[in-house]
Amino acid sequence: MKDVTVLEGRFDDVDGRYALVVARFNSFVVEALLEGAIDTLVRHGVSREKLTIIRVPGAWELPVAAKRLADKNEFDAIITLGAVIRGGTAHFEYVAGEAAKGIAAVQNSTGIPVAFGVLTVDTIEHAIERSGTKAGNKGAEAALSAMEMVSLLKHI
């Protein structure tokens, strides 16, 4: 791509303040997502002193907490972590869909990166696989996304 300017985030300039908004519901999975996110941030040079963990009851409450944090303008990125596991009712669709829409709305209305680290899975087994076993750790992936966006926004 000669003569074309390309901007993208790097992982050597990710310093900043990160808020991790963590749902307590399904904590047996979500705590592993949190550990993965923190480990990834620290391994890339973000000091633990620049991390703030905010706990909310469940995925449904993630957007409102993320919005309040974004409005304070004290964080360079927000990482939302939760797990919505399908059950026998339509509850899954409502919670998963509204959490996703709400989190996207926060990012789009504030300009602060809000990483989506919310598992929306059919079974407990799928949740466990995505929180640090066979399918990686989606909390770590959300942290990578947040860091890349912090870096990118520094260069735009």
Protein backbone atom coordinates (compact mmCIF):
# COMPACT_ATOMS: atom_id res chain seq x y z
CA MET A 1 0.00 0.00 0.00
CA LYS A 2 2.55 2.49 -1.14
CA ASP A 3 1.58 6.17 -0.77
CA VAL A 4 -1.33 5.30 1.54
CA THR A 5 -1.42 6.34 5.17
CA VAL A 6 -2.39 3.47 7.44
CA LEU A 7 -3.07 4.02 11.12
CA GLU A 8 -3.51 1.11 13.48
CA GLY A 9 -3.02 0.45 17.14
CA ARG A 10 0.21 -0.98 18.43
CA PHE A 11 0.95 -2.75 21.67
CA ASP A 12 4.02 -0.73 22.63
CA ASP A 13 2.12 2.44 23.59
CA VAL A 14 -0.89 1.19 25.51
CA ASP A 15 -0.29 3.12 28.70
CA GLY A 16 -3.48 4.54 30.11
CA ARG A 17 -6.18 4.09 32.70
CA TYR A 18 -8.45 1.10 32.22
CA ALA A 19 -11.76 0.37 33.93
CA LEU A 20 -12.88 -3.25 34.08
CA VAL A 21 -16.63 -3.51 34.63
CA VAL A 22 -17.30 -7.02 35.87
CA ALA A 23 -20.63 -8.81 36.27
CA ARG A 24 -20.97 -10.96 39.38
CA PHE A 25 -23.62 -13.26 37.88
CA ASN A 26 -21.97 -16.45 36.57
CA SER A 27 -18.88 -15.48 38.55
CA PHE A 28 -17.40 -18.96 38.19
CA VAL A 29 -16.72 -18.00 34.56
CA VAL A 30 -16.45 -14.21 34.77
CA GLU A 31 -13.64 -14.29 37.34
CA ALA A 32 -11.53 -16.24 34.85
CA LEU A 33 -12.28 -13.57 32.22
CA LEU A 34 -11.15 -10.91 34.69
CA GLU A 35 -7.93 -12.77 35.45
CA GLY A 36 -7.23 -13.10 31.73
CA ALA A 37 -7.86 -9.41 31.12
CA ILE A 38 -5.65 -8.25 33.99
CA ASP A 39 -2.85 -10.62 33.02
CA THR A 40 -2.94 -9.37 29.43
CA LEU A 41 -2.92 -5.70 30.44
CA VAL A 42 -0.04 -6.17 32.87
CA ARG A 43 1.99 -8.25 30.40
CA HIS A 44 1.72 -5.38 27.92
CA GLY A 45 3.05 -2.85 30.41
CA VAL A 46 -0.05 -1.39 32.00
CA SER A 47 0.61 -0.97 35.70
CA ARG A 48 -1.88 -2.44 38.15
CA GLU A 49 -2.25 1.03 39.69
CA LYS A 50 -3.93 2.17 36.46
CA LEU A 51 -6.60 -0.54 36.64
CA THR A 52 -9.95 -0.03 38.35
CA ILE A 53 -12.40 -2.88 38.83
CA ILE A 54 -16.09 -2.07 39.14
CA ARG A 55 -18.47 -4.89 40.02
CA VAL A 56 -22.10 -4.93 38.92
CA PRO A 57 -24.82 -7.54 39.54
CA GLY A 58 -24.97 -8.94 36.01
CA ALA A 59 -24.57 -8.31 32.28
CA TRP A 60 -27.77 -6.25 32.20
CA GLU A 61 -26.11 -3.62 34.43
CA LEU A 62 -22.84 -3.39 32.47
CA PRO A 63 -23.98 -0.58 30.12
CA VAL A 64 -25.13 1.84 32.80
CA ALA A 65 -21.93 1.44 34.81
CA ALA A 66 -19.82 1.79 31.64
CA LYS A 67 -21.73 4.96 30.69
CA ARG A 68 -21.20 6.55 34.09
CA LEU A 69 -17.48 5.74 33.91
CA ALA A 70 -17.17 7.06 30.36
CA ASP A 71 -18.95 10.28 31.32
CA LYS A 72 -16.39 10.85 34.10
CA ASN A 73 -13.68 10.94 31.39
CA GLU A 74 -11.11 9.41 33.76
CA PHE A 75 -10.42 6.26 31.74
CA ASP A 76 -8.81 5.71 28.36
CA ALA A 77 -10.78 2.50 27.84
CA ILE A 78 -13.43 0.41 29.53
CA ILE A 79 -13.51 -3.38 29.40
CA THR A 80 -16.85 -5.04 30.10
CA LEU A 81 -16.82 -8.64 31.30
CA GLY A 82 -19.77 -10.93 31.86
CA ALA A 83 -21.41 -14.19 30.86
CA VAL A 84 -24.94 -14.82 29.66
CA ILE A 85 -25.70 -18.53 29.36
CA ARG A 86 -28.80 -19.68 27.50
CA GLY A 87 -31.49 -21.28 29.60
CA GLY A 88 -34.94 -22.59 28.85
CA THR A 89 -36.61 -19.17 28.46
CA ALA A 90 -36.32 -16.08 26.27
CA HIS A 91 -34.45 -14.30 29.08
CA PHE A 92 -31.13 -15.01 27.33
CA GLU A 93 -32.09 -13.04 24.21
CA TYR A 94 -33.21 -10.02 26.19
CA VAL A 95 -30.18 -9.85 28.45
CA ALA A 96 -27.55 -10.67 25.83
CA GLY A 97 -29.05 -8.39 23.19
CA GLU A 98 -29.62 -5.40 25.43
CA ALA A 99 -26.21 -5.72 27.07
CA ALA A 100 -24.56 -5.72 23.65
CA LYS A 101 -26.63 -2.80 22.37
CA GLY A 102 -26.10 -0.82 25.56
CA ILE A 103 -22.35 -1.34 25.58
CA ALA A 104 -22.10 -0.35 21.90
CA ALA A 105 -24.18 2.76 22.60
CA VAL A 106 -21.79 3.85 25.35
CA GLN A 107 -18.80 3.57 23.06
CA ASN A 108 -20.53 5.31 20.17
CA SER A 109 -21.95 8.16 22.24
CA THR A 110 -18.83 8.93 24.27
CA GLY A 111 -15.92 8.13 21.97
CA ILE A 112 -14.28 6.08 24.71
CA PRO A 113 -13.40 2.52 23.66
CA VAL A 114 -15.59 -0.02 25.42
CA ALA A 115 -14.40 -3.57 24.82
CA PHE A 116 -17.05 -6.28 24.73
CA GLY A 117 -15.88 -9.19 26.86
CA VAL A 118 -19.32 -10.64 27.48
CA LEU A 119 -19.78 -14.31 26.71
CA THR A 120 -23.14 -15.11 25.11
CA VAL A 121 -23.17 -18.89 24.94
CA ASP A 122 -25.53 -21.82 24.75
CA THR A 123 -24.03 -23.98 27.49
CA ILE A 124 -21.91 -23.84 30.61
CA GLU A 125 -19.34 -25.92 28.75
CA HIS A 126 -19.06 -23.25 26.05
CA ALA A 127 -18.60 -20.60 28.73
CA ILE A 128 -15.82 -22.57 30.39
CA GLU A 129 -14.11 -23.15 27.02
CA ARG A 130 -14.11 -19.41 26.30
CA SER A 131 -12.89 -18.37 29.72
CA GLY A 132 -9.47 -19.90 29.56
CA THR A 133 -9.54 -23.47 28.29
CA LYS A 134 -9.99 -24.74 24.70
CA ALA A 135 -11.19 -21.54 23.03
CA GLY A 136 -8.83 -19.09 24.75
CA ASN A 137 -9.85 -16.39 27.17
CA LYS A 138 -12.30 -13.81 25.87
CA GLY A 139 -11.39 -11.49 28.76
CA ALA A 140 -7.81 -11.43 27.49
CA GLU A 141 -9.10 -10.77 23.96
CA ALA A 142 -11.22 -7.86 25.21
CA ALA A 143 -8.15 -6.40 26.95
CA LEU A 144 -6.17 -6.67 23.71
CA SER A 145 -8.94 -4.87 21.85
CA ALA A 146 -9.05 -2.10 24.46
CA MET A 147 -5.28 -1.60 24.36
CA GLU A 148 -5.22 -1.52 20.58
CA MET A 149 -7.92 1.15 20.56
CA VAL A 150 -6.12 3.23 23.21
CA SER A 151 -3.02 3.13 21.05
CA LEU A 152 -4.92 3.90 17.84
CA LEU A 153 -6.77 6.86 19.30
CA LYS A 154 -3.45 8.38 20.36
CA HIS A 155 -2.45 8.48 16.68
CA ILE A 156 -5.69 9.72 15.13
